[in-house]
Protein backbone atom coordinates (compact mmCIF):
# COMPACT_ATOMS: atom_id res chain seq x y z
CA UNK A 1 -4.98 0.25 -24.29
CA UNK A 2 -1.51 -0.11 -23.17
CA UNK A 3 1.66 -2.29 -22.17
CA UNK A 4 -0.03 -4.36 -19.02
CA UNK A 5 2.16 -5.65 -16.48
CA UNK A 6 -0.72 -7.98 -15.02
CA UNK A 7 -1.44 -10.39 -15.52
CA UNK A 8 1.60 -11.56 -17.24
CA UNK A 9 1.62 -14.55 -19.56
CA UNK A 10 2.91 -17.17 -16.89
CA UNK A 11 0.18 -16.16 -14.34
CA UNK A 12 -2.79 -16.63 -16.94
CA UNK A 13 -0.96 -19.90 -17.91
CA UNK A 14 -1.07 -21.09 -14.36
CA UNK A 15 -4.82 -20.47 -14.20
CA UNK A 16 -5.44 -21.90 -17.30
CA UNK A 17 -3.27 -25.50 -15.73
CA UNK A 18 -5.14 -25.22 -12.67
CA UNK A 19 -8.89 -25.28 -14.28
CA UNK A 20 -7.77 -28.04 -16.90
CA UNK A 21 -6.64 -30.19 -13.71
CA UNK A 22 -9.74 -29.82 -11.85
CA UNK A 23 -12.19 -29.89 -14.94
CA UNK A 24 -10.51 -32.36 -17.13
CA UNK A 25 -10.88 -29.56 -20.62
CA UNK A 26 -7.86 -28.41 -22.49
CA UNK A 27 -6.12 -25.76 -21.28
CA UNK A 28 -6.71 -23.98 -24.20
CA UNK A 29 -10.61 -23.74 -23.59
CA UNK A 30 -10.23 -22.29 -20.25
CA UNK A 31 -10.91 -18.14 -20.12
CA UNK A 32 -9.41 -15.93 -17.70
CA UNK A 33 -11.20 -13.12 -15.97
CA UNK A 34 -9.15 -9.80 -14.85
CA UNK A 35 -10.96 -7.80 -12.48
CA UNK A 36 -8.46 -5.25 -10.77
CA UNK A 37 -8.34 -3.54 -7.56
CA UNK A 38 -8.84 0.41 -7.63
CA UNK A 39 -7.59 3.37 -5.96
CA UNK A 40 -9.52 6.28 -5.65
CA UNK A 41 -7.64 9.64 -5.27
CA UNK A 42 -10.43 11.99 -4.64
CA UNK A 43 -14.31 11.28 -3.72
CA UNK A 44 -13.87 9.21 -0.99
CA UNK A 45 -16.62 7.93 1.12
CA UNK A 46 -19.39 10.45 -0.68
CA UNK A 47 -20.62 7.80 -3.91
CA UNK A 48 -23.37 6.34 -1.04
CA UNK A 49 -24.51 9.78 -1.46
CA UNK A 50 -24.92 10.48 -4.90
CA UNK A 51 -21.61 12.29 -5.07
CA UNK A 52 -18.99 12.75 -7.55
CA UNK A 53 -15.83 10.39 -7.48
CA UNK A 54 -12.93 9.98 -9.30
CA UNK A 55 -11.05 6.47 -9.21
CA UNK A 56 -8.25 4.46 -11.57
CA UNK A 57 -7.37 0.79 -11.08
CA UNK A 58 -4.03 -0.42 -10.45
CA UNK A 59 -2.01 -3.40 -11.70
CA UNK A 60 -3.36 -6.19 -8.86
CA UNK A 61 -6.21 -7.99 -8.40
CA UNK A 62 -8.36 -10.78 -8.95
CA UNK A 63 -7.72 -13.71 -11.69
CA UNK A 64 -10.95 -16.31 -12.46
CA UNK A 65 -9.69 -19.18 -14.43
CA UNK A 66 -13.20 -21.15 -15.71
CA UNK A 67 -14.57 -23.27 -18.20
CA UNK A 68 -18.39 -23.66 -18.22
CA UNK A 69 -19.17 -26.47 -16.26
CA UNK A 70 -22.40 -28.05 -18.33
CA UNK A 71 -25.09 -28.30 -15.86
CA UNK A 72 -26.07 -25.40 -13.17
CA UNK A 73 -23.63 -26.59 -10.53
CA UNK A 74 -20.66 -23.84 -9.67
CA UNK A 75 -17.47 -25.48 -8.31
CA UNK A 76 -15.12 -23.48 -6.84
CA UNK A 77 -11.46 -23.55 -5.84
CA UNK A 78 -9.30 -20.54 -4.21
CA UNK A 79 -5.67 -19.65 -3.97
CA UNK A 80 -6.06 -18.07 -0.80
CA UNK A 81 -8.21 -21.25 0.91
CA UNK A 82 -8.06 -25.05 0.86
CA UNK A 83 -10.97 -26.94 -0.10
CA UNK A 84 -13.22 -27.00 -2.91
CA UNK A 85 -17.16 -25.24 -3.26
CA UNK A 86 -19.65 -26.68 -4.63
CA UNK A 87 -23.33 -25.23 -4.77
CA UNK A 88 -26.53 -25.06 -7.26
CA UNK A 89 -26.98 -20.90 -6.89
CA UNK A 90 -28.15 -18.63 -4.05
CA UNK A 91 -25.00 -17.77 -2.92
CA UNK A 92 -23.99 -13.89 -3.44
CA UNK A 93 -22.65 -13.77 -6.93
CA UNK A 94 -25.71 -15.35 -8.34
CA UNK A 95 -27.76 -13.34 -6.27
CA UNK A 96 -29.28 -11.17 -9.20
CA UNK A 97 -28.54 -12.89 -12.18
CA UNK A 98 -29.65 -16.61 -11.40
CA UNK A 99 -32.92 -16.07 -13.16
CA UNK A 100 -31.41 -16.44 -16.83
CA UNK A 101 -28.42 -19.04 -15.87
CA UNK A 102 -28.36 -22.04 -17.57
CA UNK A 103 -24.75 -23.17 -16.62
CA UNK A 104 -22.05 -22.40 -13.73
CA UNK A 105 -18.53 -22.70 -13.72
CA UNK A 106 -15.75 -24.81 -12.93
CA UNK A 107 -13.26 -22.46 -11.69
CA UNK A 108 -10.38 -21.67 -9.91
CA UNK A 109 -10.01 -18.14 -8.37
CA UNK A 110 -6.62 -16.30 -6.89
CA UNK A 111 -6.16 -12.85 -5.92
CA UNK A 112 -2.69 -11.02 -5.91
CA UNK A 113 -0.67 -11.74 -2.85
CA UNK A 114 -2.16 -9.96 0.75
CA UNK A 115 -3.70 -7.46 -0.57
CA UNK A 116 -7.27 -8.76 0.26
CA UNK A 117 -9.03 -6.82 3.30
CA UNK A 118 -6.35 -4.16 2.15
CA UNK A 119 -8.90 -0.97 1.27
CA UNK A 120 -8.48 -1.57 -2.47
CA UNK A 121 -11.94 -3.13 -2.99
CA UNK A 122 -11.34 -6.80 -2.81
CA UNK A 123 -14.80 -7.85 -2.68
CA UNK A 124 -16.31 -5.82 -5.52
CA UNK A 125 -13.09 -7.01 -7.38
CA UNK A 126 -14.08 -10.66 -6.60
CA UNK A 127 -17.99 -10.20 -7.13
CA UNK A 128 -17.17 -8.46 -10.68
CA UNK A 129 -15.14 -11.82 -11.46
CA UNK A 130 -17.80 -14.35 -10.45
CA UNK A 131 -20.07 -11.98 -12.41
CA UNK A 132 -18.36 -11.94 -15.65
CA UNK A 133 -17.24 -15.60 -15.35
CA UNK A 134 -21.01 -16.75 -15.12
CA UNK A 135 -22.31 -13.87 -17.95
CA UNK A 136 -19.47 -15.48 -20.39
CA UNK A 137 -20.54 -19.35 -19.70
CA UNK A 138 -24.10 -18.52 -20.76
CA UNK A 139 -23.29 -16.56 -23.52
CA UNK A 140 -24.76 -13.30 -21.90
CA UNK A 141 -23.96 -9.61 -23.46
CA UNK A 142 -24.19 -7.62 -20.16
CA UNK A 143 -23.62 -3.64 -20.03
CA UNK A 144 -21.19 -2.45 -17.95
CA UNK A 145 -23.58 0.00 -16.31
CA UNK A 146 -26.05 -3.17 -15.71
CA UNK A 147 -23.12 -5.28 -14.16
CA UNK A 148 -22.45 -1.69 -11.59
CA UNK A 149 -25.80 -2.31 -10.66
CA UNK A 150 -25.92 -6.16 -10.11
CA UNK A 151 -22.55 -6.06 -8.34
CA UNK A 152 -24.29 -2.62 -6.30
CA UNK A 153 -26.93 -5.53 -4.84
CA UNK A 154 -24.15 -7.96 -4.30
CA UNK A 155 -22.61 -5.92 -1.66
CA UNK A 156 -25.71 -4.41 -0.34
CA UNK A 157 -28.15 -7.22 -0.27
CA UNK A 158 -26.00 -10.16 0.16
CA UNK A 159 -22.79 -8.69 1.95
CA UNK A 160 -24.74 -6.05 4.00
CA UNK A 161 -22.52 -3.19 3.44
CA UNK A 162 -24.18 0.00 2.53
CA UNK A 163 -22.00 1.41 0.38
CA UNK A 164 -22.45 3.15 -3.48
CA UNK A 165 -20.63 1.97 -7.05
CA UNK A 166 -17.46 3.76 -6.48
CA UNK A 167 -15.54 0.11 -6.33
CA UNK A 168 -17.50 -1.35 -9.22
CA UNK A 169 -17.65 1.64 -11.54
CA UNK A 170 -13.78 1.84 -11.40
CA UNK A 171 -13.36 -1.09 -11.83
CA UNK A 172 -15.80 -2.27 -14.92
CA UNK A 173 -15.37 1.46 -16.74
CA UNK A 174 -11.67 2.57 -15.83
CA UNK A 175 -8.76 2.87 -18.48
CA UNK A 176 -5.32 2.22 -18.62
CA UNK A 177 -3.52 5.23 -17.22
CA UNK A 178 -6.39 7.57 -17.00
CA UNK A 179 -8.68 8.94 -14.52
CA UNK A 180 -12.67 7.66 -14.47
CA UNK A 181 -14.95 10.56 -13.02
CA UNK A 182 -18.29 9.48 -12.13
CA UNK A 183 -21.24 11.26 -11.06
CA UNK A 184 -22.94 8.58 -8.74
CA UNK A 185 -26.09 9.84 -8.65
CA UNK A 186 -26.93 10.26 -12.75
CA UNK A 187 -24.38 7.25 -13.03
CA UNK A 188 -22.78 9.77 -15.87
CA UNK A 189 -19.10 9.14 -16.16
CA UNK A 190 -16.14 10.38 -18.29
CA UNK A 191 -12.38 8.68 -18.69
CA UNK A 192 -9.94 11.28 -18.52
CA UNK A 193 -6.49 11.24 -19.92
CA UNK A 194 -3.92 13.29 -18.63
CA UNK A 195 -2.18 15.59 -20.94
CA UNK A 196 1.43 13.77 -22.17
CA UNK A 197 4.24 17.05 -21.80
CA UNK A 198 5.93 17.77 -24.49
CA UNK A 199 9.89 17.91 -24.04
CA UNK A 200 9.58 21.72 -24.31
CA UNK A 201 7.33 22.39 -21.21
CA UNK A 202 8.57 19.29 -18.85
CA UNK A 203 8.42 21.98 -16.13
CA UNK A 204 8.61 20.76 -12.50
CA UNK A 205 5.02 20.59 -12.05
CA UNK A 206 4.44 18.08 -14.64
CA UNK A 207 6.23 14.97 -13.84
CA UNK A 208 5.30 11.62 -14.51
CA UNK A 209 3.66 9.61 -10.93
CA UNK A 210 3.42 6.27 -9.63
CA UNK A 211 1.18 4.78 -7.35
CA UNK A 212 2.34 3.92 -3.97
CA UNK A 213 0.65 1.41 -1.57
CA UNK A 214 1.73 1.25 2.09
CA UNK A 215 0.51 -1.40 4.29
CA UNK A 216 -0.98 -1.03 8.03
CA UNK A 217 -0.69 -4.50 9.29
CA UNK A 218 -4.65 -4.10 10.08
CA UNK A 219 -6.73 -6.73 8.42
CA UNK A 220 -10.28 -6.93 8.79
CA UNK A 221 -13.19 -7.74 6.72
CA UNK A 222 -15.04 -4.51 6.26
CA UNK A 223 -18.56 -6.27 6.86
CA UNK A 224 -17.13 -7.42 10.22
CA UNK A 225 -16.15 -3.65 11.15
CA UNK A 226 -19.70 -1.31 11.98
CA UNK A 227 -17.99 2.09 11.71
CA UNK A 228 -18.59 1.75 7.79
CA UNK A 229 -22.38 1.37 7.66
CA UNK A 230 -22.75 4.17 10.70
CA UNK A 231 -20.86 6.30 9.04
CA UNK A 232 -23.95 5.56 5.70
CA UNK A 233 -26.38 6.48 8.56
CA UNK A 234 -25.22 9.68 9.25
CA UNK A 235 -24.73 11.12 6.40
CA UNK A 236 -28.61 10.09 5.56
CA UNK A 237 -29.46 11.59 8.69
CA UNK A 238 -28.01 14.99 7.51
CA UNK A 239 -29.23 14.43 4.29
CA UNK A 240 -32.84 14.43 5.97
CA UNK A 241 -32.45 17.30 8.28
CA UNK A 242 -31.31 19.43 5.14
CA UNK A 243 -33.78 18.41 3.35
CA UNK A 244 -36.36 19.16 5.51
CA UNK A 245 -35.11 22.73 6.04
CA UNK A 246 -35.66 23.35 2.19
CA UNK A 247 -38.95 21.85 2.06
CA UNK A 248 -38.31 18.55 0.22
CA UNK A 249 -38.60 16.24 2.83
CA UNK A 250 -40.19 13.85 0.53
CA UNK A 251 -37.40 12.81 -1.18
CA UNK A 252 -34.58 10.36 -0.45
CA UNK A 253 -32.35 10.90 1.80
CA UNK A 254 -28.73 11.39 0.57
CA UNK A 255 -26.69 14.55 -0.20
CA UNK A 256 -27.33 14.72 -3.37
CA UNK A 257 -30.87 14.88 -3.63
CA UNK A 258 -31.49 18.32 -4.77
CA UNK A 259 -32.55 19.92 -8.22
CA UNK A 260 -30.97 18.89 -11.21
CA UNK A 261 -31.47 21.80 -14.07
CA UNK A 262 -29.70 21.66 -17.04
CA UNK A 263 -28.07 25.26 -19.02
CA UNK A 264 -28.24 24.49 -22.39
CA UNK A 265 -26.47 27.60 -24.44
CA UNK A 266 -26.66 27.77 -28.18
CA UNK A 267 -23.97 29.86 -30.48
CA UNK A 268 -24.37 29.95 -34.19
CA UNK A 269 -21.46 30.21 -36.31
CA UNK A 270 -20.44 30.59 -40.03
CA UNK A 271 -19.63 26.91 -40.32
CA UNK A 272 -20.03 25.48 -36.65
CA UNK A 273 -22.70 25.13 -34.55
CA UNK A 274 -21.60 24.39 -30.87
CA UNK A 275 -24.17 23.32 -28.53
CA UNK A 276 -22.94 23.37 -24.90
CA UNK A 277 -24.80 22.01 -22.47
CA UNK A 278 -23.81 22.09 -18.67
CA UNK A 279 -25.43 20.13 -15.71
CA UNK A 280 -25.59 22.42 -12.77
CA UNK A 281 -26.21 20.38 -9.82
CA UNK A 282 -26.01 20.65 -5.84
CA UNK A 283 -26.01 24.45 -5.59
CA UNK A 284 -28.82 24.12 -3.79
CA UNK A 285 -28.28 22.05 -1.19
CA UNK A 286 -24.70 23.63 -0.36
CA UNK A 287 -26.50 26.71 -0.16
CA UNK A 288 -28.99 24.83 2.65
CA UNK A 289 -26.15 23.38 4.19
CA UNK A 290 -24.02 26.67 4.80
CA UNK A 291 -27.77 28.26 6.13
CA UNK A 292 -28.35 25.78 8.80
CA UNK A 293 -25.00 23.71 9.26
CA UNK A 294 -25.19 25.31 12.68
CA UNK A 295 -28.62 23.87 13.13
CA UNK A 296 -27.01 19.95 12.41
CA UNK A 297 -26.07 17.94 15.52
CA UNK A 298 -21.97 18.22 15.53
CA UNK A 299 -21.33 14.79 14.12
CA UNK A 300 -23.95 15.04 11.55
CA UNK A 301 -22.61 18.58 10.33
CA UNK A 302 -19.04 17.04 10.10
CA UNK A 303 -20.22 14.32 7.79
CA UNK A 304 -22.09 16.91 5.23
CA UNK A 305 -18.80 19.26 5.54
CA UNK A 306 -17.00 16.22 4.29
CA UNK A 307 -19.29 15.17 1.42
CA UNK A 308 -19.71 19.01 -0.02
CA UNK A 309 -16.04 19.62 0.35
CA UNK A 310 -14.96 16.34 -1.13
CA UNK A 311 -17.08 17.14 -4.15
CA UNK A 312 -15.47 20.73 -5.00
CA UNK A 313 -12.15 18.60 -4.38
CA UNK A 314 -13.43 16.50 -7.26
CA UNK A 315 -14.16 19.21 -9.11
CA UNK A 316 -10.91 20.83 -8.40
CA UNK A 317 -8.93 18.03 -9.51
CA UNK A 318 -10.39 17.40 -13.02
CA UNK A 319 -11.98 19.46 -15.12
CA UNK A 320 -15.73 19.13 -15.16
CA UNK A 321 -15.79 21.75 -17.88
CA UNK A 322 -13.30 21.87 -20.68
CA UNK A 323 -14.53 24.46 -23.14
CA UNK A 324 -11.86 27.00 -23.25
CA UNK A 325 -12.20 31.06 -23.14
CA UNK A 326 -11.50 31.86 -26.65
CA UNK A 327 -14.59 30.44 -27.54
CA UNK A 328 -17.00 30.90 -25.11
CA UNK A 329 -16.05 34.78 -26.15
CA UNK A 330 -17.96 34.56 -29.21
CA UNK A 331 -21.11 33.72 -26.98
CA UNK A 332 -23.69 36.71 -26.45
CA UNK A 333 -22.29 38.74 -23.49
CA UNK A 334 -25.63 37.49 -21.15
CA UNK A 335 -24.58 33.86 -21.57
CA UNK A 336 -20.95 34.06 -21.44
CA UNK A 337 -21.79 35.97 -17.41
CA UNK A 338 -23.50 33.42 -17.05
CA UNK A 339 -21.32 30.72 -17.66
CA UNK A 340 -18.26 32.30 -16.01
CA UNK A 341 -20.34 32.42 -13.15
CA UNK A 342 -20.65 28.37 -13.04
CA UNK A 343 -17.48 27.89 -14.21
CA UNK A 344 -16.06 29.94 -11.61
CA UNK A 345 -18.18 27.65 -8.62
CA UNK A 346 -17.22 24.29 -9.87
CA UNK A 347 -13.84 24.61 -11.08
CA UNK A 348 -12.67 27.87 -8.28
CA UNK A 349 -8.95 28.39 -9.35
CA UNK A 350 -9.68 27.16 -12.93
CA UNK A 351 -6.47 24.71 -12.47
CA UNK A 352 -7.12 21.62 -14.75
CA UNK A 353 -4.62 19.48 -12.58
CA UNK A 354 -5.54 16.28 -13.74
CA UNK A 355 -5.58 16.92 -17.62
CA UNK A 356 -2.52 19.29 -17.35
CA UNK A 357 -0.36 16.99 -15.78
CA UNK A 358 -0.14 18.65 -12.58
CA UNK A 359 0.76 16.17 -10.11
CA UNK A 360 1.84 18.95 -7.51
CA UNK A 361 -1.54 20.19 -7.55
CA UNK A 362 -3.73 16.96 -8.05
CA UNK A 363 -1.40 15.63 -4.79
CA UNK A 364 -2.58 18.67 -2.48
CA UNK A 365 -6.02 17.85 -3.22
CA UNK A 366 -5.60 14.43 -2.43
CA UNK A 367 -4.56 15.08 1.39
CA UNK A 368 -6.76 17.59 1.60
CA UNK A 369 -9.36 15.01 1.16
CA UNK A 370 -7.35 12.29 3.47
CA UNK A 371 -7.61 15.21 6.21
CA UNK A 372 -11.04 15.56 5.90
CA UNK A 373 -11.37 11.90 6.10
CA UNK A 374 -9.35 12.03 9.33
CA UNK A 375 -11.31 14.99 11.20
CA UNK A 376 -14.40 15.52 9.32
CA UNK A 377 -15.95 11.46 8.42
CA UNK A 378 -13.95 10.66 11.35
CA UNK A 379 -12.45 7.34 10.12
CA UNK A 380 -8.81 5.67 10.16
CA UNK A 381 -7.52 4.74 13.56
CA UNK A 382 -3.67 5.36 14.77
CA UNK A 383 -2.04 3.14 12.84
CA UNK A 384 -3.68 4.50 9.83
CA UNK A 385 -2.77 8.28 10.72
CA UNK A 386 0.61 7.85 11.14
CA UNK A 387 1.23 6.02 7.81
CA UNK A 388 -0.31 8.53 6.41
CA UNK A 389 1.54 10.79 8.06
CA UNK A 390 5.02 9.31 7.31
CA UNK A 391 3.56 9.26 3.51
CA UNK A 392 3.05 12.94 3.65
CA UNK A 393 6.85 13.36 4.59
CA UNK A 394 8.18 10.71 2.41
CA UNK A 395 10.78 12.41 -0.58
CA UNK A 396 8.74 12.67 -4.25
CA UNK A 397 4.98 12.00 -2.47
CA UNK A 398 2.69 15.27 -4.07
CA UNK A 399 -0.46 13.70 -1.73
CA UNK A 400 -1.50 10.71 -0.07
CA UNK A 401 -4.93 9.45 1.70
CA UNK A 402 -6.38 6.00 3.45
CA UNK A 403 -7.43 3.74 0.52
CA UNK A 404 -11.05 2.24 0.94
CA UNK A 405 -13.15 2.73 3.99
CA UNK A 406 -10.35 4.04 5.81
CA UNK A 407 -10.56 1.55 8.79
CA UNK A 408 -7.90 -1.05 8.00
CA UNK A 409 -5.81 -2.11 5.28
CA UNK A 410 -3.56 0.29 3.75
CA UNK A 411 -2.71 4.12 2.39
CA UNK A 412 -2.24 5.28 -1.13
CA UNK A 413 0.03 8.17 -2.38
CA UNK A 414 1.10 9.84 -5.86
CA UNK A 415 4.63 9.49 -5.96
CA UNK A 416 7.55 11.00 -8.37
CA UNK A 417 7.83 8.19 -10.86
CA UNK A 418 11.91 8.90 -10.15
CA UNK A 419 11.66 8.89 -6.49
CA UNK A 420 9.19 6.16 -5.96
CA UNK A 421 11.71 3.48 -4.93
CA UNK A 422 13.55 6.14 -2.17
CA UNK A 423 9.91 7.12 -1.26
CA UNK A 424 9.09 3.20 -0.62
CA UNK A 425 12.02 2.34 1.29
CA UNK A 426 11.39 5.84 3.56
CA UNK A 427 7.86 4.84 4.51
CA UNK A 428 8.71 1.15 5.09
CA UNK A 429 11.80 1.98 7.43
CA UNK A 430 9.91 5.31 9.92
CA UNK A 431 6.27 2.73 9.61
CA UNK A 432 8.50 -0.63 11.08
CA UNK A 433 9.74 2.03 13.78
CA UNK A 434 6.96 3.70 14.37
CA UNK A 435 4.44 0.12 14.73
CA UNK A 436 6.83 -2.76 15.20
CA UNK A 437 3.89 -5.15 16.43
CA UNK A 438 1.84 -4.49 13.30
CA UNK A 439 4.92 -4.37 10.99
CA UNK A 440 6.09 -8.15 11.90
CA UNK A 441 2.40 -9.07 10.36
CA UNK A 442 3.98 -7.75 6.60
CA UNK A 443 6.03 -9.04 4.62
CA UNK A 444 9.00 -6.68 4.19
CA UNK A 445 9.14 -6.93 0.72
CA UNK A 446 5.64 -6.23 0.35
CA UNK A 447 4.77 -3.71 2.90
CA UNK A 448 5.40 -0.77 0.45
CA UNK A 449 4.33 -1.38 -3.05
CA UNK A 450 5.03 0.74 -6.10
CA UNK A 451 2.09 0.04 -8.73
CA UNK A 452 0.98 0.72 -12.06
CA UNK A 453 -2.12 2.19 -13.89
CA UNK A 454 -4.34 -0.95 -14.46
CA UNK A 455 -7.27 -1.23 -16.78
CA UNK A 456 -11.14 -2.34 -16.91
CA UNK A 457 -12.08 -6.12 -15.85
CA UNK A 458 -12.15 -8.58 -18.88
CA UNK A 459 -11.98 -11.73 -19.91
CA UNK A 460 -8.96 -13.26 -22.06
């Protein structure tokens, strides 16, 4: 785990006291769901197409204090809105659980100040908070992967967003200080810890980092913006064309849909039998794309270009394969050659940017991802693009991009921990001068936030 800066004990106690006042129960019996917000350094806009994504949580998010209600009624109050809501099922967060719920909750929910509708997955954090509270109140033991699917049903079926599973996966699977990588087609994931540099090799490329969040002042619920669902539909149209071109028109139109095939390498040693499994993914699709991209309508070609290049950036940014060449060289020659070819395909330069602690190279990939979001995925707006450009120039910033769907909210940056305050001050000053009207809607103290890593959603 780690030493968490959020939530503080005072914040937890405040939640317990609020629910105690609502329910008449002792504060000691109140449970609190901690559901963090997330950022996606690499893998933006491709989860709905079954792509490979990376994410981590931050030390901001949703707190939901609750006790079981004793019957099927749900009673809720919010720190962001006045009044009280009462109902008996049928709303979004019971959309997929109502068949097994015996008890509702009496709860008080509150998010980190001014961070809703900011591109940090506040809707997914809220949905997961309710799921975990209802499951806890009913004594249900539900796996994170099942809850990922339940929250997807809330987002797709109830809220009407055609998003994938990046947000839910990040919130439920992340670990403190690590990067979570997920293949959104197979739902296979891994938690990747960066290597801690030793005192002897603390070079300038192995610096500690912090996450900078810079807010644009644009606030609009994603469900009210048709741009997101339009982009998803365009990706599906591109997939449909490419699948037809490859003779696979019957497959579900997603850009990930081709063939998986597994290459299993065996090598026997005196003491050790090494079994290495390589999942070879998406080669067919990318070959088809390269062969037919000039036949695609220009907008669809851009969407496909973003998908395939973003998958490559994820592969370079975090090590998909981790075996050393010293071991590989002991395998039969023909298997070595096959393996090296696949290694080159996936890893390119062979840099393990995240695992090696190479913040500079990892940051360059984040910035390249951001440019693809602007020019290929065509999301963003003038204020967000300007804010991204300011972040790119800020002192100590390794890389920056939009956060979330990119239509409103904030930009994120990976920044040298020693220069985070300097960078935040620079971004605040430059953006307030460039966009004074939007900046006037922001609290100067929270317009640019320096964040630390978070952990997974949990019940305390």
